[in-house]
Amino acid sequence: MSEKFNFTMKFNVDKEKINEAEEILVNVYKALKEKGYNPINQLVGYILSGDPTYITSHNNARSLIRQLERDELLEELIKKYLENK
């Protein structure tokens, strides 16, 4: 069993899903901003808790964000952050 932990797992995400995640994040960000929320705080709250009430229903943002798994959102955020370094 300990041999199992000597290897790194590989995580692959479909490129189409990444583009979809980016588009959803941008739209949700805009909706939160339009409603006067701090989009970063609200998105962090959602990603950490999974509670969709952190996201406004304005412009269908809550439904949009729930189309993706939180790990997909987190992957997109990390990818974009590191690409710009």
C-alpha atoms as a PDB file:
ATOM      1  CA  MET A   1       0.000   0.000   0.000  1.00  0.00           C
ATOM      2  CA  SER A   2       2.827   2.466   0.749  1.00  0.00           C
ATOM      3  CA  GLU A   3       4.121   1.996  -2.828  1.00  0.00           C
ATOM      4  CA  LYS A   4       0.904   3.594  -4.039  1.00  0.00           C
ATOM      5  CA  PHE A   5       1.940   6.916  -2.477  1.00  0.00           C
ATOM      6  CA  ASN A   6       5.291   7.013  -4.276  1.00  0.00           C
ATOM      7  CA  PHE A   7       3.684   8.058  -7.556  1.00  0.00           C
ATOM      8  CA  THR A   8       2.181  11.369  -8.632  1.00  0.00           C
ATOM      9  CA  MET A   9      -1.377  11.226  -9.865  1.00  0.00           C
ATOM     10  CA  LYS A  10      -2.027  12.926 -13.185  1.00  0.00           C
ATOM     11  CA  PHE A  11      -5.120  15.095 -13.460  1.00  0.00           C
ATOM     12  CA  ASN A  12      -6.392  15.891 -16.954  1.00  0.00           C
ATOM     13  CA  VAL A  13      -9.103  18.358 -17.883  1.00  0.00           C
ATOM     14  CA  ASP A  14     -10.767  18.678 -21.238  1.00  0.00           C
ATOM     15  CA  LYS A  15      -9.735  21.953 -22.985  1.00  0.00           C
ATOM     16  CA  GLU A  16     -13.367  22.619 -23.880  1.00  0.00           C
ATOM     17  CA  LYS A  17     -14.228  22.542 -20.163  1.00  0.00           C
ATOM     18  CA  ILE A  18     -11.439  25.045 -19.450  1.00  0.00           C
ATOM     19  CA  ASN A  19     -12.827  27.519 -21.992  1.00  0.00           C
ATOM     20  CA  GLU A  20     -16.305  27.028 -20.558  1.00  0.00           C
ATOM     21  CA  ALA A  21     -14.999  27.629 -17.026  1.00  0.00           C
ATOM     22  CA  GLU A  22     -13.282  30.838 -18.094  1.00  0.00           C
ATOM     23  CA  GLU A  23     -16.436  32.160 -19.737  1.00  0.00           C
ATOM     24  CA  ILE A  24     -18.580  31.269 -16.726  1.00  0.00           C
ATOM     25  CA  LEU A  25     -16.147  32.889 -14.284  1.00  0.00           C
ATOM     26  CA  VAL A  26     -16.087  36.117 -16.295  1.00  0.00           C
ATOM     27  CA  ASN A  27     -19.893  36.259 -16.497  1.00  0.00           C
ATOM     28  CA  VAL A  28     -20.344  35.513 -12.801  1.00  0.00           C
ATOM     29  CA  TYR A  29     -17.704  38.108 -11.910  1.00  0.00           C
ATOM     30  CA  LYS A  30     -19.539  40.745 -13.963  1.00  0.00           C
ATOM     31  CA  ALA A  31     -22.901  39.868 -12.403  1.00  0.00           C
ATOM     32  CA  LEU A  32     -21.494  40.101  -8.875  1.00  0.00           C
ATOM     33  CA  LYS A  33     -19.838  43.430  -9.679  1.00  0.00           C
ATOM     34  CA  GLU A  34     -23.060  44.808 -11.186  1.00  0.00           C
ATOM     35  CA  LYS A  35     -24.932  43.966  -7.995  1.00  0.00           C
ATOM     36  CA  GLY A  36     -22.334  45.724  -5.848  1.00  0.00           C
ATOM     37  CA  TYR A  37     -20.672  42.660  -4.328  1.00  0.00           C
ATOM     38  CA  ASN A  38     -16.935  42.089  -4.005  1.00  0.00           C
ATOM     39  CA  PRO A  39     -16.651  39.359  -6.675  1.00  0.00           C
ATOM     40  CA  ILE A  40     -13.401  37.914  -5.331  1.00  0.00           C
ATOM     41  CA  ASN A  41     -14.766  37.464  -1.815  1.00  0.00           C
ATOM     42  CA  GLN A  42     -17.991  35.956  -3.105  1.00  0.00           C
ATOM     43  CA  LEU A  43     -16.218  33.518  -5.436  1.00  0.00           C
ATOM     44  CA  VAL A  44     -13.814  32.436  -2.701  1.00  0.00           C
ATOM     45  CA  GLY A  45     -16.764  31.855  -0.370  1.00  0.00           C
ATOM     46  CA  TYR A  46     -18.471  29.731  -3.006  1.00  0.00           C
ATOM     47  CA  ILE A  47     -15.378  27.699  -3.891  1.00  0.00           C
ATOM     48  CA  LEU A  48     -14.545  26.983  -0.254  1.00  0.00           C
ATOM     49  CA  SER A  49     -18.055  26.176   0.926  1.00  0.00           C
ATOM     50  CA  GLY A  50     -19.953  25.025  -2.144  1.00  0.00           C
ATOM     51  CA  ASP A  51     -22.842  27.222  -0.983  1.00  0.00           C
ATOM     52  CA  PRO A  52     -24.431  28.751  -4.104  1.00  0.00           C
ATOM     53  CA  THR A  53     -25.960  31.617  -2.106  1.00  0.00           C
ATOM     54  CA  TYR A  54     -22.558  33.335  -2.296  1.00  0.00           C
ATOM     55  CA  ILE A  55     -23.390  33.926  -5.963  1.00  0.00           C
ATOM     56  CA  THR A  56     -26.121  36.306  -7.073  1.00  0.00           C
ATOM     57  CA  SER A  57     -28.929  35.064  -9.277  1.00  0.00           C
ATOM     58  CA  HIS A  58     -28.560  38.292 -11.323  1.00  0.00           C
ATOM     59  CA  ASN A  59     -28.002  37.484 -15.016  1.00  0.00           C
ATOM     60  CA  ASN A  60     -28.383  33.776 -14.199  1.00  0.00           C
ATOM     61  CA  ALA A  61     -24.959  33.773 -12.492  1.00  0.00           C
ATOM     62  CA  ARG A  62     -25.919  31.237  -9.809  1.00  0.00           C
ATOM     63  CA  SER A  63     -27.136  28.742 -12.403  1.00  0.00           C
ATOM     64  CA  LEU A  64     -24.046  29.298 -14.523  1.00  0.00           C
ATOM     65  CA  ILE A  65     -21.571  28.691 -11.697  1.00  0.00           C
ATOM     66  CA  ARG A  66     -23.318  25.472 -10.725  1.00  0.00           C
ATOM     67  CA  GLN A  67     -22.708  24.040 -14.213  1.00  0.00           C
ATOM     68  CA  LEU A  68     -19.101  23.447 -13.211  1.00  0.00           C
ATOM     69  CA  GLU A  69     -17.517  21.535 -10.390  1.00  0.00           C
ATOM     70  CA  ARG A  70     -15.595  23.658  -7.902  1.00  0.00           C
ATOM     71  CA  ASP A  71     -12.357  21.856  -8.797  1.00  0.00           C
ATOM     72  CA  GLU A  72     -12.807  22.991 -12.414  1.00  0.00           C
ATOM     73  CA  LEU A  73     -13.192  26.582 -11.265  1.00  0.00           C
ATOM     74  CA  LEU A  74     -10.167  26.317  -9.025  1.00  0.00           C
ATOM     75  CA  GLU A  75      -8.103  24.820 -11.832  1.00  0.00           C
ATOM     76  CA  GLU A  76      -9.026  27.688 -14.149  1.00  0.00           C
ATOM     77  CA  LEU A  77      -8.074  30.267 -11.528  1.00  0.00           C
ATOM     78  CA  ILE A  78      -4.712  28.642 -10.816  1.00  0.00           C
ATOM     79  CA  LYS A  79      -3.979  28.226 -14.510  1.00  0.00           C
ATOM     80  CA  LYS A  80      -4.667  31.873 -15.301  1.00  0.00           C
ATOM     81  CA  TYR A  81      -2.685  33.068 -12.292  1.00  0.00           C
ATOM     82  CA  LEU A  82       0.391  31.020 -13.158  1.00  0.00           C
ATOM     83  CA  GLU A  83       0.245  31.789 -16.880  1.00  0.00           C
ATOM     84  CA  ASN A  84       0.742  35.448 -16.043  1.00  0.00           C
ATOM     85  CA  LYS A  85       3.902  34.844 -13.974  1.00  0.00           C
END
